[in-house]
Amino acid sequence: MPSTISIADFVNVVKSNSSRWTHESFPKRRGFAWKEGYGAFSVSKSEEKKVIKYIHDQSHHHAKRTFKDEFLEFLNRYEIEYDERYLWS
């Protein structure tokens, strides 16, 4: 993502375009909608291969544990403050 684009603007474009694609590609899924919020985390260039591998293997990770468990572990590992009441609503 270029440094000239804010994370909020980028997420807005991704949500808008992917919603349009989903509605056009799957007309019976008209109820699809993104949640209001989002999470964004930066990753250094030196970790790029590791992140790509993680994304590639993501279905294997989630076969062993839920996204919720994995996400909470991530937040705790990197000492990111959060209020769980607002994560899953």
PDB file of N, CA and C in Angstrom:
ATOM      1  N   MET A   1       0.849  -1.165   0.000  1.00  0.00           N
ATOM      2  CA  MET A   1       0.000   0.000   0.000  1.00  0.00           C
ATOM      3  C   MET A   1       0.897   1.230   0.000  1.00  0.00           C
ATOM      4  N   PRO A   2       0.672   2.149  -0.885  1.00  0.00           N
ATOM      5  CA  PRO A   2       1.508   3.354  -0.924  1.00  0.00           C
ATOM      6  C   PRO A   2       1.328   4.203   0.336  1.00  0.00           C
ATOM      7  N   SER A   3       2.379   4.864   0.749  1.00  0.00           N
ATOM      8  CA  SER A   3       2.313   5.696   1.954  1.00  0.00           C
ATOM      9  C   SER A   3       1.444   6.936   1.753  1.00  0.00           C
ATOM     10  N   THR A   4       1.044   7.215   0.526  1.00  0.00           N
ATOM     11  CA  THR A   4       0.206   8.385   0.238  1.00  0.00           C
ATOM     12  C   THR A   4      -1.273   8.126   0.486  1.00  0.00           C
ATOM     13  N   ILE A   5      -1.630   6.878   0.778  1.00  0.00           N
ATOM     14  CA  ILE A   5      -3.031   6.512   1.018  1.00  0.00           C
ATOM     15  C   ILE A   5      -3.207   6.195   2.503  1.00  0.00           C
ATOM     16  N   SER A   6      -4.220   6.776   3.113  1.00  0.00           N
ATOM     17  CA  SER A   6      -4.484   6.473   4.520  1.00  0.00           C
ATOM     18  C   SER A   6      -5.086   5.074   4.633  1.00  0.00           C
ATOM     19  N   ILE A   7      -4.902   4.464   5.782  1.00  0.00           N
ATOM     20  CA  ILE A   7      -5.473   3.133   6.015  1.00  0.00           C
ATOM     21  C   ILE A   7      -6.995   3.186   5.881  1.00  0.00           C
ATOM     22  N   ALA A   8      -7.607   4.234   6.430  1.00  0.00           N
ATOM     23  CA  ALA A   8      -9.069   4.361   6.360  1.00  0.00           C
ATOM     24  C   ALA A   8      -9.552   4.432   4.911  1.00  0.00           C
ATOM     25  N   ASP A   9      -8.865   5.211   4.075  1.00  0.00           N
ATOM     26  CA  ASP A   9      -9.260   5.305   2.662  1.00  0.00           C
ATOM     27  C   ASP A   9      -9.069   3.973   1.947  1.00  0.00           C
ATOM     28  N   PHE A  10      -7.966   3.292   2.240  1.00  0.00           N
ATOM     29  CA  PHE A  10      -7.683   1.999   1.623  1.00  0.00           C
ATOM     30  C   PHE A  10      -8.764   0.982   1.984  1.00  0.00           C
ATOM     31  N   VAL A  11      -9.097   0.909   3.269  1.00  0.00           N
ATOM     32  CA  VAL A  11     -10.120  -0.036   3.723  1.00  0.00           C
ATOM     33  C   VAL A  11     -11.464   0.293   3.081  1.00  0.00           C
ATOM     34  N   ASN A  12     -11.779   1.566   2.963  1.00  0.00           N
ATOM     35  CA  ASN A  12     -13.033   1.970   2.325  1.00  0.00           C
ATOM     36  C   ASN A  12     -13.099   1.478   0.880  1.00  0.00           C
ATOM     37  N   VAL A  13     -12.011   1.619   0.139  1.00  0.00           N
ATOM     38  CA  VAL A  13     -11.971   1.161  -1.254  1.00  0.00           C
ATOM     39  C   VAL A  13     -12.102  -0.361  -1.321  1.00  0.00           C
ATOM     40  N   VAL A  14     -11.375  -1.066  -0.458  1.00  0.00           N
ATOM     41  CA  VAL A  14     -11.431  -2.535  -0.449  1.00  0.00           C
ATOM     42  C   VAL A  14     -12.845  -3.012  -0.126  1.00  0.00           C
ATOM     43  N   LYS A  15     -13.451  -2.450   0.915  1.00  0.00           N
ATOM     44  CA  LYS A  15     -14.803  -2.861   1.289  1.00  0.00           C
ATOM     45  C   LYS A  15     -15.804  -2.554   0.176  1.00  0.00           C
ATOM     46  N   SER A  16     -15.700  -1.377  -0.406  1.00  0.00           N
ATOM     47  CA  SER A  16     -16.629  -0.981  -1.464  1.00  0.00           C
ATOM     48  C   SER A  16     -16.512  -1.890  -2.682  1.00  0.00           C
ATOM     49  N   ASN A  17     -15.290  -2.082  -3.160  1.00  0.00           N
ATOM     50  CA  ASN A  17     -15.089  -2.903  -4.361  1.00  0.00           C
ATOM     51  C   ASN A  17     -15.422  -4.369  -4.124  1.00  0.00           C
ATOM     52  N   SER A  18     -15.046  -4.893  -2.962  1.00  0.00           N
ATOM     53  CA  SER A  18     -15.331  -6.306  -2.698  1.00  0.00           C
ATOM     54  C   SER A  18     -16.824  -6.534  -2.477  1.00  0.00           C
ATOM     55  N   SER A  19     -17.527  -5.568  -1.899  1.00  0.00           N
ATOM     56  CA  SER A  19     -18.984  -5.688  -1.755  1.00  0.00           C
ATOM     57  C   SER A  19     -19.654  -5.706  -3.118  1.00  0.00           C
ATOM     58  N   ARG A  20     -19.227  -4.806  -3.990  1.00  0.00           N
ATOM     59  CA  ARG A  20     -19.790  -4.756  -5.340  1.00  0.00           C
ATOM     60  C   ARG A  20     -19.540  -6.079  -6.057  1.00  0.00           C
ATOM     61  N   TRP A  21     -18.307  -6.579  -5.984  1.00  0.00           N
ATOM     62  CA  TRP A  21     -17.957  -7.841  -6.640  1.00  0.00           C
ATOM     63  C   TRP A  21     -18.795  -8.992  -6.075  1.00  0.00           C
ATOM     64  N   THR A  22     -18.935  -9.042  -4.755  1.00  0.00           N
ATOM     65  CA  THR A  22     -19.706 -10.111  -4.118  1.00  0.00           C
ATOM     66  C   THR A  22     -21.161 -10.071  -4.567  1.00  0.00           C
ATOM     67  N   HIS A  23     -21.752  -8.888  -4.581  1.00  0.00           N
ATOM     68  CA  HIS A  23     -23.161  -8.775  -4.987  1.00  0.00           C
ATOM     69  C   HIS A  23     -23.363  -9.109  -6.461  1.00  0.00           C
ATOM     70  N   GLU A  24     -22.399  -8.734  -7.304  1.00  0.00           N
ATOM     71  CA  GLU A  24     -22.507  -9.056  -8.731  1.00  0.00           C
ATOM     72  C   GLU A  24     -22.244 -10.535  -9.000  1.00  0.00           C
ATOM     73  N   SER A  25     -21.295 -11.115  -8.283  1.00  0.00           N
ATOM     74  CA  SER A  25     -20.902 -12.506  -8.525  1.00  0.00           C
ATOM     75  C   SER A  25     -21.831 -13.516  -7.868  1.00  0.00           C
ATOM     76  N   PHE A  26     -22.442 -13.128  -6.770  1.00  0.00           N
ATOM     77  CA  PHE A  26     -23.310 -14.025  -6.009  1.00  0.00           C
ATOM     78  C   PHE A  26     -24.637 -13.318  -5.713  1.00  0.00           C
ATOM     79  N   PRO A  27     -25.490 -13.179  -6.717  1.00  0.00           N
ATOM     80  CA  PRO A  27     -26.738 -12.417  -6.546  1.00  0.00           C
ATOM     81  C   PRO A  27     -27.624 -12.907  -5.404  1.00  0.00           C
ATOM     82  N   LYS A  28     -27.535 -14.182  -5.083  1.00  0.00           N
ATOM     83  CA  LYS A  28     -28.361 -14.711  -3.996  1.00  0.00           C
ATOM     84  C   LYS A  28     -27.818 -14.310  -2.624  1.00  0.00           C
ATOM     85  N   ARG A  29     -26.638 -13.725  -2.593  1.00  0.00           N
ATOM     86  CA  ARG A  29     -26.008 -13.304  -1.338  1.00  0.00           C
ATOM     87  C   ARG A  29     -26.190 -11.801  -1.104  1.00  0.00           C
ATOM     88  N   ARG A  30     -27.335 -11.278  -1.423  1.00  0.00           N
ATOM     89  CA  ARG A  30     -27.593  -9.835  -1.288  1.00  0.00           C
ATOM     90  C   ARG A  30     -27.422  -9.352   0.152  1.00  0.00           C
ATOM     91  N   GLY A  31     -27.516 -10.251   1.102  1.00  0.00           N
ATOM     92  CA  GLY A  31     -27.390  -9.864   2.501  1.00  0.00           C
ATOM     93  C   GLY A  31     -25.960  -9.624   2.953  1.00  0.00           C
ATOM     94  N   PHE A  32     -24.989  -9.868   2.058  1.00  0.00           N
ATOM     95  CA  PHE A  32     -23.590  -9.671   2.440  1.00  0.00           C
ATOM     96  C   PHE A  32     -23.333  -8.206   2.767  1.00  0.00           C
ATOM     97  N   ALA A  33     -22.658  -7.961   3.879  1.00  0.00           N
ATOM     98  CA  ALA A  33     -22.268  -6.597   4.245  1.00  0.00           C
ATOM     99  C   ALA A  33     -21.067  -6.667   5.175  1.00  0.00           C
ATOM    100  N   TRP A  34     -20.206  -5.695   5.065  1.00  0.00           N
ATOM    101  CA  TRP A  34     -19.060  -5.590   5.956  1.00  0.00           C
ATOM    102  C   TRP A  34     -19.503  -5.013   7.290  1.00  0.00           C
ATOM    103  N   LYS A  35     -18.786  -5.384   8.345  1.00  0.00           N
ATOM    104  CA  LYS A  35     -19.021  -4.746   9.637  1.00  0.00           C
ATOM    105  C   LYS A  35     -18.501  -3.318   9.564  1.00  0.00           C
ATOM    106  N   GLU A  36     -18.902  -2.511  10.518  1.00  0.00           N
ATOM    107  CA  GLU A  36     -18.520  -1.103  10.509  1.00  0.00           C
ATOM    108  C   GLU A  36     -17.022  -0.911  10.736  1.00  0.00           C
ATOM    109  N   GLY A  37     -16.426  -1.652  11.638  1.00  0.00           N
ATOM    110  CA  GLY A  37     -15.025  -1.437  11.988  1.00  0.00           C
ATOM    111  C   GLY A  37     -14.060  -2.305  11.205  1.00  0.00           C
ATOM    112  N   TYR A  38     -12.795  -2.191  11.554  1.00  0.00           N
ATOM    113  CA  TYR A  38     -11.751  -3.009  10.941  1.00  0.00           C
ATOM    114  C   TYR A  38     -10.506  -2.927  11.813  1.00  0.00           C
ATOM    115  N   GLY A  39      -9.584  -3.815  11.580  1.00  0.00           N
ATOM    116  CA  GLY A  39      -8.281  -3.771  12.235  1.00  0.00           C
ATOM    117  C   GLY A  39      -7.213  -3.727  11.166  1.00  0.00           C
ATOM    118  N   ALA A  40      -6.177  -2.981  11.404  1.00  0.00           N
ATOM    119  CA  ALA A  40      -5.081  -2.884  10.437  1.00  0.00           C
ATOM    120  C   ALA A  40      -3.761  -2.888  11.192  1.00  0.00           C
ATOM    121  N   PHE A  41      -2.825  -3.660  10.691  1.00  0.00           N
ATOM    122  CA  PHE A  41      -1.531  -3.788  11.336  1.00  0.00           C
ATOM    123  C   PHE A  41      -0.443  -3.677  10.287  1.00  0.00           C
ATOM    124  N   SER A  42       0.594  -2.963  10.606  1.00  0.00           N
ATOM    125  CA  SER A  42       1.698  -2.831   9.656  1.00  0.00           C
ATOM    126  C   SER A  42       2.669  -3.994   9.828  1.00  0.00           C
ATOM    127  N   VAL A  43       3.333  -4.327   8.743  1.00  0.00           N
ATOM    128  CA  VAL A  43       4.312  -5.406   8.742  1.00  0.00           C
ATOM    129  C   VAL A  43       5.547  -4.899   8.010  1.00  0.00           C
ATOM    130  N   SER A  44       6.709  -5.156   8.572  1.00  0.00           N
ATOM    131  CA  SER A  44       7.934  -4.687   7.923  1.00  0.00           C
ATOM    132  C   SER A  44       8.249  -5.543   6.694  1.00  0.00           C
ATOM    133  N   LYS A  45       8.957  -4.959   5.768  1.00  0.00           N
ATOM    134  CA  LYS A  45       9.339  -5.646   4.524  1.00  0.00           C
ATOM    135  C   LYS A  45      10.098  -6.941   4.835  1.00  0.00           C
ATOM    136  N   SER A  46      10.870  -6.938   5.910  1.00  0.00           N
ATOM    137  CA  SER A  46      11.659  -8.125   6.255  1.00  0.00           C
ATOM    138  C   SER A  46      10.787  -9.322   6.640  1.00  0.00           C
ATOM    139  N   GLU A  47       9.528  -9.083   6.973  1.00  0.00           N
ATOM    140  CA  GLU A  47       8.605 -10.156   7.365  1.00  0.00           C
ATOM    141  C   GLU A  47       7.681 -10.580   6.225  1.00  0.00           C
ATOM    142  N   GLU A  48       7.891 -10.021   5.036  1.00  0.00           N
ATOM    143  CA  GLU A  48       6.971 -10.249   3.923  1.00  0.00           C
ATOM    144  C   GLU A  48       6.777 -11.731   3.592  1.00  0.00           C
ATOM    145  N   LYS A  49       7.850 -12.489   3.468  1.00  0.00           N
ATOM    146  CA  LYS A  49       7.730 -13.913   3.112  1.00  0.00           C
ATOM    147  C   LYS A  49       6.979 -14.687   4.191  1.00  0.00           C
ATOM    148  N   LYS A  50       7.238 -14.346   5.439  1.00  0.00           N
ATOM    149  CA  LYS A  50       6.569 -15.009   6.552  1.00  0.00           C
ATOM    150  C   LYS A  50       5.057 -14.739   6.510  1.00  0.00           C
ATOM    151  N   VAL A  51       4.679 -13.505   6.207  1.00  0.00           N
ATOM    152  CA  VAL A  51       3.262 -13.137   6.136  1.00  0.00           C
ATOM    153  C   VAL A  51       2.583 -13.831   4.958  1.00  0.00           C
ATOM    154  N   ILE A  52       3.251 -13.870   3.821  1.00  0.00           N
ATOM    155  CA  ILE A  52       2.693 -14.547   2.643  1.00  0.00           C
ATOM    156  C   ILE A  52       2.466 -16.026   2.947  1.00  0.00           C
ATOM    157  N   LYS A  53       3.425 -16.662   3.604  1.00  0.00           N
ATOM    158  CA  LYS A  53       3.280 -18.074   3.977  1.00  0.00           C
ATOM    159  C   LYS A  53       2.109 -18.254   4.943  1.00  0.00           C
ATOM    160  N   TYR A  54       1.994 -17.346   5.905  1.00  0.00           N
ATOM    161  CA  TYR A  54       0.892 -17.432   6.859  1.00  0.00           C
ATOM    162  C   TYR A  54      -0.456 -17.353   6.128  1.00  0.00           C
ATOM    163  N   ILE A  55      -0.598 -16.391   5.231  1.00  0.00           N
ATOM    164  CA  ILE A  55      -1.856 -16.234   4.494  1.00  0.00           C
ATOM    165  C   ILE A  55      -2.135 -17.479   3.658  1.00  0.00           C
ATOM    166  N   HIS A  56      -1.106 -17.997   3.021  1.00  0.00           N
ATOM    167  CA  HIS A  56      -1.261 -19.204   2.197  1.00  0.00           C
ATOM    168  C   HIS A  56      -1.743 -20.389   3.034  1.00  0.00           C
ATOM    169  N   ASP A  57      -1.244 -20.501   4.261  1.00  0.00           N
ATOM    170  CA  ASP A  57      -1.570 -21.629   5.140  1.00  0.00           C
ATOM    171  C   ASP A  57      -2.735 -21.338   6.090  1.00  0.00           C
ATOM    172  N   GLN A  58      -3.420 -20.237   5.898  1.00  0.00           N
ATOM    173  CA  GLN A  58      -4.442 -19.794   6.838  1.00  0.00           C
ATOM    174  C   GLN A  58      -5.545 -20.823   7.071  1.00  0.00           C
ATOM    175  N   SER A  59      -5.963 -21.519   6.041  1.00  0.00           N
ATOM    176  CA  SER A  59      -7.031 -22.508   6.238  1.00  0.00           C
ATOM    177  C   SER A  59      -6.580 -23.618   7.184  1.00  0.00           C
ATOM    178  N   HIS A  60      -5.294 -23.944   7.168  1.00  0.00           N
ATOM    179  CA  HIS A  60      -4.764 -24.956   8.089  1.00  0.00           C
ATOM    180  C   HIS A  60      -4.774 -24.436   9.523  1.00  0.00           C
ATOM    181  N   HIS A  61      -4.402 -23.160   9.709  1.00  0.00           N
ATOM    182  CA  HIS A  61      -4.413 -22.573  11.057  1.00  0.00           C
ATOM    183  C   HIS A  61      -5.824 -22.615  11.638  1.00  0.00           C
ATOM    184  N   HIS A  62      -6.802 -22.230  10.817  1.00  0.00           N
ATOM    185  CA  HIS A  62      -8.164 -22.127  11.317  1.00  0.00           C
ATOM    186  C   HIS A  62      -8.857 -23.478  11.435  1.00  0.00           C
ATOM    187  N   ALA A  63      -8.254 -24.520  10.903  1.00  0.00           N
ATOM    188  CA  ALA A  63      -8.783 -25.867  11.126  1.00  0.00           C
ATOM    189  C   ALA A  63      -8.455 -26.324  12.544  1.00  0.00           C
ATOM    190  N   LYS A  64      -7.386 -25.758  13.116  1.00  0.00           N
ATOM    191  CA  LYS A  64      -6.932 -26.153  14.450  1.00  0.00           C
ATOM    192  C   LYS A  64      -7.489 -25.258  15.551  1.00  0.00           C
ATOM    193  N   ARG A  65      -7.740 -23.982  15.224  1.00  0.00           N
ATOM    194  CA  ARG A  65      -8.304 -23.064  16.212  1.00  0.00           C
ATOM    195  C   ARG A  65      -9.070 -21.965  15.492  1.00  0.00           C
ATOM    196  N   THR A  66      -9.934 -21.331  16.233  1.00  0.00           N
ATOM    197  CA  THR A  66     -10.809 -20.334  15.622  1.00  0.00           C
ATOM    198  C   THR A  66     -10.062 -19.038  15.338  1.00  0.00           C
ATOM    199  N   PHE A  67     -10.622 -18.260  14.424  1.00  0.00           N
ATOM    200  CA  PHE A  67     -10.079 -16.931  14.156  1.00  0.00           C
ATOM    201  C   PHE A  67     -10.082 -16.103  15.436  1.00  0.00           C
ATOM    202  N   LYS A  68     -11.161 -16.191  16.204  1.00  0.00           N
ATOM    203  CA  LYS A  68     -11.275 -15.418  17.441  1.00  0.00           C
ATOM    204  C   LYS A  68     -10.123 -15.729  18.387  1.00  0.00           C
ATOM    205  N   ASP A  69      -9.838 -17.009  18.615  1.00  0.00           N
ATOM    206  CA  ASP A  69      -8.737 -17.398  19.500  1.00  0.00           C
ATOM    207  C   ASP A  69      -7.400 -16.896  18.966  1.00  0.00           C
ATOM    208  N   GLU A  70      -7.199 -17.050  17.673  1.00  0.00           N
ATOM    209  CA  GLU A  70      -5.943 -16.626  17.064  1.00  0.00           C
ATOM    210  C   GLU A  70      -5.778 -15.109  17.139  1.00  0.00           C
ATOM    211  N   PHE A  71      -6.853 -14.369  16.902  1.00  0.00           N
ATOM    212  CA  PHE A  71      -6.788 -12.911  16.928  1.00  0.00           C
ATOM    213  C   PHE A  71      -6.496 -12.400  18.336  1.00  0.00           C
ATOM    214  N   LEU A  72      -7.152 -12.980  19.342  1.00  0.00           N
ATOM    215  CA  LEU A  72      -6.888 -12.580  20.726  1.00  0.00           C
ATOM    216  C   LEU A  72      -5.441 -12.869  21.111  1.00  0.00           C
ATOM    217  N   GLU A  73      -4.920 -14.006  20.668  1.00  0.00           N
ATOM    218  CA  GLU A  73      -3.516 -14.328  20.934  1.00  0.00           C
ATOM    219  C   GLU A  73      -2.596 -13.286  20.297  1.00  0.00           C
ATOM    220  N   PHE A  74      -2.909 -12.897  19.080  1.00  0.00           N
ATOM    221  CA  PHE A  74      -2.129 -11.883  18.371  1.00  0.00           C
ATOM    222  C   PHE A  74      -2.138 -10.559  19.143  1.00  0.00           C
ATOM    223  N   LEU A  75      -3.319 -10.104  19.549  1.00  0.00           N
ATOM    224  CA  LEU A  75      -3.425  -8.845  20.290  1.00  0.00           C
ATOM    225  C   LEU A  75      -2.629  -8.901  21.585  1.00  0.00           C
ATOM    226  N   ASN A  76      -2.721 -10.012  22.290  1.00  0.00           N
ATOM    227  CA  ASN A  76      -1.998 -10.152  23.552  1.00  0.00           C
ATOM    228  C   ASN A  76      -0.490 -10.250  23.337  1.00  0.00           C
ATOM    229  N   ARG A  77      -0.073 -11.006  22.343  1.00  0.00           N
ATOM    230  CA  ARG A  77       1.358 -11.177  22.073  1.00  0.00           C
ATOM    231  C   ARG A  77       2.036  -9.841  21.784  1.00  0.00           C
ATOM    232  N   TYR A  78       1.358  -8.986  21.035  1.00  0.00           N
ATOM    233  CA  TYR A  78       1.945  -7.702  20.657  1.00  0.00           C
ATOM    234  C   TYR A  78       1.493  -6.556  21.561  1.00  0.00           C
ATOM    235  N   GLU A  79       0.898  -6.927  22.707  1.00  0.00           N
ATOM    236  CA  GLU A  79       0.502  -5.976  23.746  1.00  0.00           C
ATOM    237  C   GLU A  79      -0.356  -4.839  23.199  1.00  0.00           C
ATOM    238  N   ILE A  80      -1.336  -5.219  22.373  1.00  0.00           N
ATOM    239  CA  ILE A  80      -2.273  -4.252  21.808  1.00  0.00           C
ATOM    240  C   ILE A  80      -3.469  -4.165  22.748  1.00  0.00           C
ATOM    241  N   GLU A  81      -3.756  -2.961  23.226  1.00  0.00           N
ATOM    242  CA  GLU A  81      -4.875  -2.776  24.139  1.00  0.00           C
ATOM    243  C   GLU A  81      -6.198  -2.930  23.389  1.00  0.00           C
ATOM    244  N   TYR A  82      -7.162  -3.577  24.038  1.00  0.00           N
ATOM    245  CA  TYR A  82      -8.474  -3.763  23.427  1.00  0.00           C
ATOM    246  C   TYR A  82      -9.505  -4.013  24.508  1.00  0.00           C
ATOM    247  N   ASP A  83     -10.743  -3.812  24.156  1.00  0.00           N
ATOM    248  CA  ASP A  83     -11.870  -4.136  25.016  1.00  0.00           C
ATOM    249  C   ASP A  83     -12.679  -5.178  24.257  1.00  0.00           C
ATOM    250  N   GLU A  84     -12.682  -6.392  24.760  1.00  0.00           N
ATOM    251  CA  GLU A  84     -13.298  -7.503  24.030  1.00  0.00           C
ATOM    252  C   GLU A  84     -14.786  -7.277  23.746  1.00  0.00           C
ATOM    253  N   ARG A  85     -15.429  -6.419  24.526  1.00  0.00           N
ATOM    254  CA  ARG A  85     -16.851  -6.127  24.271  1.00  0.00           C
ATOM    255  C   ARG A  85     -17.064  -5.539  22.879  1.00  0.00           C
ATOM    256  N   TYR A  86     -16.039  -4.866  22.348  1.00  0.00           N
ATOM    257  CA  TYR A  86     -16.189  -4.190  21.059  1.00  0.00           C
ATOM    258  C   TYR A  86     -15.594  -4.971  19.890  1.00  0.00           C
ATOM    259  N   LEU A  87     -14.957  -6.099  20.168  1.00  0.00           N
ATOM    260  CA  LEU A  87     -14.327  -6.862  19.090  1.00  0.00           C
ATOM    261  C   LEU A  87     -15.321  -7.666  18.273  1.00  0.00           C
ATOM    262  N   TRP A  88     -16.332  -8.199  18.897  1.00  0.00           N
ATOM    263  CA  TRP A  88     -17.176  -9.184  18.220  1.00  0.00           C
ATOM    264  C   TRP A  88     -18.621  -8.738  18.071  1.00  0.00           C
ATOM    265  N   SER A  89     -18.924  -7.498  18.344  1.00  0.00           N
ATOM    266  CA  SER A  89     -20.329  -7.056  18.265  1.00  0.00           C
ATOM    267  C   SER A  89     -20.745  -6.779  16.837  1.00  0.00           C
TER     268      SER A  89
END
